Amino acid sequence: MSGKPQRILVEAAQRGQSEDEGWRIRKDGSRFWANVVITALRGPKGNLHGFAKLTRDMTERRDKEETLTKAKELLELGVEQRTAVLIRVNEQLRAEIAEREQVEEQLKISLDQLRALAGRLQSVREEERTSIAREIHDELGQACTAIKMDLALIAQDYQDTESAPS
């Protein structure tokens, strides 16, 4: 053990107490995790008389700590995996939102274009109606003038035949 027991005793002598944990072997040969506290025993004048050693079997506590550590590691791994999934889903949702916003903008542009086209179509209809109305007015006016002239000629011919000697 490379002088570990001696170092622990020197520490206990200097500080009054030393503590260590590690594997120990029972008299029956079985291993156990031990907490060892060594306390320096001094006389009334401060002379070192010896050491008191208290060894506690901490195997059950250590096993529980290891189980808890493993459970914590598994939980942290699960959290990391779930976080990674949530990050991926979040990125996908952001991409989908961006795509939908782009499509929405394109639809807005198309709607504006359709409105402009509908306005232009209405304007063209009005212009065409005005043009047709002018043509009808002009042609009807000419026809009415021609009829009026024809009627005037007929009236003149009728007056001429009525006033002529028979």
C-alpha atoms as a PDB file:
ATOM      1  CA  MET A   1       0.000   0.000   0.000  1.00  0.00           C
ATOM      2  CA  SER A   2       3.036   2.208  -0.298  1.00  0.00           C
ATOM      3  CA  GLY A   3       3.012   3.516   3.261  1.00  0.00           C
ATOM      4  CA  LYS A   4      -0.635   4.554   3.417  1.00  0.00           C
ATOM      5  CA  PRO A   5      -1.238   3.343   7.005  1.00  0.00           C
ATOM      6  CA  GLN A   6       1.803   5.277   8.183  1.00  0.00           C
ATOM      7  CA  ARG A   7       0.629   8.481   6.412  1.00  0.00           C
ATOM      8  CA  ILE A   8      -2.820   8.176   8.004  1.00  0.00           C
ATOM      9  CA  LEU A   9      -1.267   7.805  11.476  1.00  0.00           C
ATOM     10  CA  VAL A  10       1.022  10.817  10.915  1.00  0.00           C
ATOM     11  CA  GLU A  11      -1.986  12.882   9.803  1.00  0.00           C
ATOM     12  CA  ALA A  12      -4.000  11.794  12.878  1.00  0.00           C
ATOM     13  CA  ALA A  13      -1.058  12.668  15.145  1.00  0.00           C
ATOM     14  CA  GLN A  14      -0.694  16.130  13.560  1.00  0.00           C
ATOM     15  CA  ARG A  15      -4.376  17.067  13.182  1.00  0.00           C
ATOM     16  CA  GLY A  16      -5.887  14.994  15.961  1.00  0.00           C
ATOM     17  CA  GLN A  17      -7.914  12.874  13.567  1.00  0.00           C
ATOM     18  CA  SER A  18      -7.721  11.272  10.131  1.00  0.00           C
ATOM     19  CA  GLU A  19     -10.466   9.784   7.977  1.00  0.00           C
ATOM     20  CA  ASP A  20     -10.344   7.439   4.987  1.00  0.00           C
ATOM     21  CA  GLU A  21     -12.729   5.323   2.913  1.00  0.00           C
ATOM     22  CA  GLY A  22     -11.954   2.270   0.867  1.00  0.00           C
ATOM     23  CA  TRP A  23     -12.278  -1.473   0.474  1.00  0.00           C
ATOM     24  CA  ARG A  24     -11.386  -3.575   3.474  1.00  0.00           C
ATOM     25  CA  ILE A  25     -11.388  -7.340   4.074  1.00  0.00           C
ATOM     26  CA  ARG A  26     -13.234  -9.002   6.945  1.00  0.00           C
ATOM     27  CA  LYS A  27     -11.809 -11.907   8.931  1.00  0.00           C
ATOM     28  CA  ASP A  28     -13.963 -14.268   6.879  1.00  0.00           C
ATOM     29  CA  GLY A  29     -12.299 -12.927   3.689  1.00  0.00           C
ATOM     30  CA  SER A  30     -15.311 -10.983   2.357  1.00  0.00           C
ATOM     31  CA  ARG A  31     -14.833  -7.460   1.099  1.00  0.00           C
ATOM     32  CA  PHE A  32     -16.694  -4.412   2.388  1.00  0.00           C
ATOM     33  CA  TRP A  33     -16.564  -0.656   1.860  1.00  0.00           C
ATOM     34  CA  ALA A  34     -15.363   0.950   5.065  1.00  0.00           C
ATOM     35  CA  ASN A  35     -15.181   4.409   6.568  1.00  0.00           C
ATOM     36  CA  VAL A  36     -12.220   4.517   8.933  1.00  0.00           C
ATOM     37  CA  VAL A  37     -11.667   7.300  11.494  1.00  0.00           C
ATOM     38  CA  ILE A  38      -8.404   7.288  13.423  1.00  0.00           C
ATOM     39  CA  THR A  39      -8.181   9.588  16.438  1.00  0.00           C
ATOM     40  CA  ALA A  40      -4.957  10.399  18.262  1.00  0.00           C
ATOM     41  CA  LEU A  41      -5.124   9.655  22.012  1.00  0.00           C
ATOM     42  CA  ARG A  42      -3.098  12.073  24.153  1.00  0.00           C
ATOM     43  CA  GLY A  43      -2.356  12.255  27.831  1.00  0.00           C
ATOM     44  CA  PRO A  44      -2.925  15.279  30.075  1.00  0.00           C
ATOM     45  CA  LYS A  45       0.416  16.788  29.049  1.00  0.00           C
ATOM     46  CA  GLY A  46      -0.318  16.264  25.334  1.00  0.00           C
ATOM     47  CA  ASN A  47       1.879  13.182  24.969  1.00  0.00           C
ATOM     48  CA  LEU A  48       0.708  10.767  22.247  1.00  0.00           C
ATOM     49  CA  HIS A  49      -0.364   7.502  23.920  1.00  0.00           C
ATOM     50  CA  GLY A  50      -1.856   5.771  20.878  1.00  0.00           C
ATOM     51  CA  PHE A  51      -4.734   5.802  18.438  1.00  0.00           C
ATOM     52  CA  ALA A  52      -8.403   4.849  18.480  1.00  0.00           C
ATOM     53  CA  LYS A  53      -9.712   3.354  15.266  1.00  0.00           C
ATOM     54  CA  LEU A  54     -13.404   3.301  14.353  1.00  0.00           C
ATOM     55  CA  THR A  55     -14.345   1.303  11.255  1.00  0.00           C
ATOM     56  CA  ARG A  56     -17.883   1.486   9.875  1.00  0.00           C
ATOM     57  CA  ASP A  57     -19.288  -0.824   7.189  1.00  0.00           C
ATOM     58  CA  MET A  58     -20.550   1.584   4.494  1.00  0.00           C
ATOM     59  CA  THR A  59     -21.154  -1.060   1.783  1.00  0.00           C
ATOM     60  CA  GLU A  60     -24.928  -0.622   1.764  1.00  0.00           C
ATOM     61  CA  ARG A  61     -24.646   3.181   1.631  1.00  0.00           C
ATOM     62  CA  ARG A  62     -22.036   2.954  -1.151  1.00  0.00           C
ATOM     63  CA  ASP A  63     -24.237   0.542  -3.143  1.00  0.00           C
ATOM     64  CA  LYS A  64     -27.174   2.939  -2.775  1.00  0.00           C
ATOM     65  CA  GLU A  65     -24.986   5.845  -3.849  1.00  0.00           C
ATOM     66  CA  GLU A  66     -23.789   3.893  -6.885  1.00  0.00           C
ATOM     67  CA  THR A  67     -27.377   2.954  -7.759  1.00  0.00           C
ATOM     68  CA  LEU A  68     -28.405   6.576  -7.341  1.00  0.00           C
ATOM     69  CA  THR A  69     -25.442   7.747  -9.457  1.00  0.00           C
ATOM     70  CA  LYS A  70     -26.326   5.266 -12.215  1.00  0.00           C
ATOM     71  CA  ALA A  71     -29.986   6.308 -12.099  1.00  0.00           C
ATOM     72  CA  LYS A  72     -28.926   9.964 -12.261  1.00  0.00           C
ATOM     73  CA  GLU A  73     -26.662   9.237 -15.250  1.00  0.00           C
ATOM     74  CA  LEU A  74     -29.491   7.385 -17.018  1.00  0.00           C
ATOM     75  CA  LEU A  75     -31.864  10.236 -16.244  1.00  0.00           C
ATOM     76  CA  GLU A  76     -29.363  12.794 -17.539  1.00  0.00           C
ATOM     77  CA  LEU A  77     -28.868  10.705 -20.682  1.00  0.00           C
ATOM     78  CA  GLY A  78     -32.646  10.557 -21.143  1.00  0.00           C
ATOM     79  CA  VAL A  79     -32.882  14.314 -20.645  1.00  0.00           C
ATOM     80  CA  GLU A  80     -30.070  14.883 -23.169  1.00  0.00           C
ATOM     81  CA  GLN A  81     -31.771  12.609 -25.705  1.00  0.00           C
ATOM     82  CA  ARG A  82     -35.161  14.232 -25.144  1.00  0.00           C
ATOM     83  CA  THR A  83     -33.580  17.674 -25.386  1.00  0.00           C
ATOM     84  CA  ALA A  84     -31.922  16.704 -28.670  1.00  0.00           C
ATOM     85  CA  VAL A  85     -35.284  15.508 -30.007  1.00  0.00           C
ATOM     86  CA  LEU A  86     -36.986  18.710 -28.854  1.00  0.00           C
ATOM     87  CA  ILE A  87     -34.236  20.809 -30.458  1.00  0.00           C
ATOM     88  CA  ARG A  88     -34.713  18.937 -33.752  1.00  0.00           C
ATOM     89  CA  VAL A  89     -38.492  19.308 -33.588  1.00  0.00           C
ATOM     90  CA  ASN A  90     -38.094  22.994 -32.722  1.00  0.00           C
ATOM     91  CA  GLU A  91     -35.804  23.509 -35.726  1.00  0.00           C
ATOM     92  CA  GLN A  92     -38.276  21.687 -37.978  1.00  0.00           C
ATOM     93  CA  LEU A  93     -41.138  23.811 -36.669  1.00  0.00           C
ATOM     94  CA  ARG A  94     -39.133  26.995 -37.199  1.00  0.00           C
ATOM     95  CA  ALA A  95     -38.365  25.899 -40.777  1.00  0.00           C
ATOM     96  CA  GLU A  96     -42.039  25.085 -41.376  1.00  0.00           C
ATOM     97  CA  ILE A  97     -43.105  28.441 -39.912  1.00  0.00           C
ATOM     98  CA  ALA A  98     -40.610  30.247 -42.146  1.00  0.00           C
ATOM     99  CA  GLU A  99     -41.869  28.310 -45.165  1.00  0.00           C
ATOM    100  CA  ARG A 100     -45.489  29.082 -44.302  1.00  0.00           C
ATOM    101  CA  GLU A 101     -44.663  32.752 -43.829  1.00  0.00           C
ATOM    102  CA  GLN A 102     -43.015  32.767 -47.254  1.00  0.00           C
ATOM    103  CA  VAL A 103     -46.027  31.060 -48.837  1.00  0.00           C
ATOM    104  CA  GLU A 104     -48.326  33.498 -47.036  1.00  0.00           C
ATOM    105  CA  GLU A 105     -46.320  36.424 -48.411  1.00  0.00           C
ATOM    106  CA  GLN A 106     -46.508  34.947 -51.925  1.00  0.00           C
ATOM    107  CA  LEU A 107     -50.270  34.490 -51.527  1.00  0.00           C
ATOM    108  CA  LYS A 108     -50.587  38.094 -50.382  1.00  0.00           C
ATOM    109  CA  ILE A 109     -48.643  39.246 -53.451  1.00  0.00           C
ATOM    110  CA  SER A 110     -50.845  37.065 -55.702  1.00  0.00           C
ATOM    111  CA  LEU A 111     -53.976  38.461 -54.063  1.00  0.00           C
ATOM    112  CA  ASP A 112     -52.751  42.020 -54.620  1.00  0.00           C
ATOM    113  CA  GLN A 113     -52.021  41.168 -58.261  1.00  0.00           C
ATOM    114  CA  LEU A 114     -55.498  39.633 -58.658  1.00  0.00           C
ATOM    115  CA  ARG A 115     -57.095  42.721 -57.143  1.00  0.00           C
ATOM    116  CA  ALA A 116     -55.125  44.950 -59.511  1.00  0.00           C
ATOM    117  CA  LEU A 117     -56.114  42.730 -62.442  1.00  0.00           C
ATOM    118  CA  ALA A 118     -59.787  42.800 -61.387  1.00  0.00           C
ATOM    119  CA  GLY A 119     -59.607  46.596 -61.132  1.00  0.00           C
ATOM    120  CA  ARG A 120     -58.005  46.815 -64.572  1.00  0.00           C
ATOM    121  CA  LEU A 121     -60.661  44.455 -65.975  1.00  0.00           C
ATOM    122  CA  GLN A 122     -63.419  46.634 -64.527  1.00  0.00           C
ATOM    123  CA  SER A 123     -61.762  49.726 -66.012  1.00  0.00           C
ATOM    124  CA  VAL A 124     -61.501  48.056 -69.443  1.00  0.00           C
ATOM    125  CA  ARG A 125     -65.185  47.048 -69.247  1.00  0.00           C
ATOM    126  CA  GLU A 126     -66.189  50.613 -68.448  1.00  0.00           C
ATOM    127  CA  GLU A 127     -64.063  51.931 -71.320  1.00  0.00           C
ATOM    128  CA  GLU A 128     -65.594  49.359 -73.684  1.00  0.00           C
ATOM    129  CA  ARG A 129     -69.125  50.238 -72.554  1.00  0.00           C
ATOM    130  CA  THR A 130     -68.388  53.919 -73.082  1.00  0.00           C
ATOM    131  CA  SER A 131     -66.953  53.190 -76.524  1.00  0.00           C
ATOM    132  CA  ILE A 132     -69.948  51.027 -77.514  1.00  0.00           C
ATOM    133  CA  ALA A 133     -72.357  53.656 -76.193  1.00  0.00           C
ATOM    134  CA  ARG A 134     -70.610  56.312 -78.328  1.00  0.00           C
ATOM    135  CA  GLU A 135     -70.748  54.088 -81.415  1.00  0.00           C
ATOM    136  CA  ILE A 136     -74.429  53.352 -80.885  1.00  0.00           C
ATOM    137  CA  HIS A 137     -75.115  57.030 -80.245  1.00  0.00           C
ATOM    138  CA  ASP A 138     -73.235  58.085 -83.362  1.00  0.00           C
ATOM    139  CA  GLU A 139     -74.788  55.417 -85.619  1.00  0.00           C
ATOM    140  CA  LEU A 140     -78.259  55.972 -84.187  1.00  0.00           C
ATOM    141  CA  GLY A 141     -77.811  59.714 -84.566  1.00  0.00           C
ATOM    142  CA  GLN A 142     -76.784  59.275 -88.220  1.00  0.00           C
ATOM    143  CA  ALA A 143     -79.676  56.896 -88.849  1.00  0.00           C
ATOM    144  CA  CYS A 144     -82.118  59.303 -87.216  1.00  0.00           C
ATOM    145  CA  THR A 145     -80.731  62.189 -89.268  1.00  0.00           C
ATOM    146  CA  ALA A 146     -81.043  60.087 -92.466  1.00  0.00           C
ATOM    147  CA  ILE A 147     -84.636  59.142 -91.569  1.00  0.00           C
ATOM    148  CA  LYS A 148     -85.413  62.756 -90.798  1.00  0.00           C
ATOM    149  CA  MET A 149     -83.986  63.817 -94.158  1.00  0.00           C
ATOM    150  CA  ASP A 150     -85.890  61.038 -95.913  1.00  0.00           C
ATOM    151  CA  LEU A 151     -89.080  62.093 -94.153  1.00  0.00           C
ATOM    152  CA  ALA A 152     -88.462  65.695 -95.139  1.00  0.00           C
ATOM    153  CA  LEU A 153     -88.004  64.633 -98.769  1.00  0.00           C
ATOM    154  CA  ILE A 154     -91.125  62.483 -98.640  1.00  0.00           C
ATOM    155  CA  ALA A 155     -93.013  65.334 -97.070  1.00  0.00           C
ATOM    156  CA  GLN A 156     -91.726  67.669 -99.791  1.00  0.00           C
ATOM    157  CA  ASP A 157     -92.692  65.176-102.505  1.00  0.00           C
ATOM    158  CA  TYR A 158     -96.100  64.738-100.926  1.00  0.00           C
ATOM    159  CA  GLN A 159     -96.649  68.494-100.771  1.00  0.00           C
ATOM    160  CA  ASP A 160     -95.495  68.830-104.342  1.00  0.00           C
ATOM    161  CA  THR A 161     -97.943  66.168-105.515  1.00  0.00           C
ATOM    162  CA  GLU A 162    -100.778  67.687-103.544  1.00  0.00           C
ATOM    163  CA  SER A 163    -100.229  71.142-104.874  1.00  0.00           C
ATOM    164  CA  ALA A 164     -99.788  70.105-108.483  1.00  0.00           C
ATOM    165  CA  PRO A 165    -102.781  70.664-110.811  1.00  0.00           C
ATOM    166  CA  SER A 166    -104.612  67.570-111.601  1.00  0.00           C
END
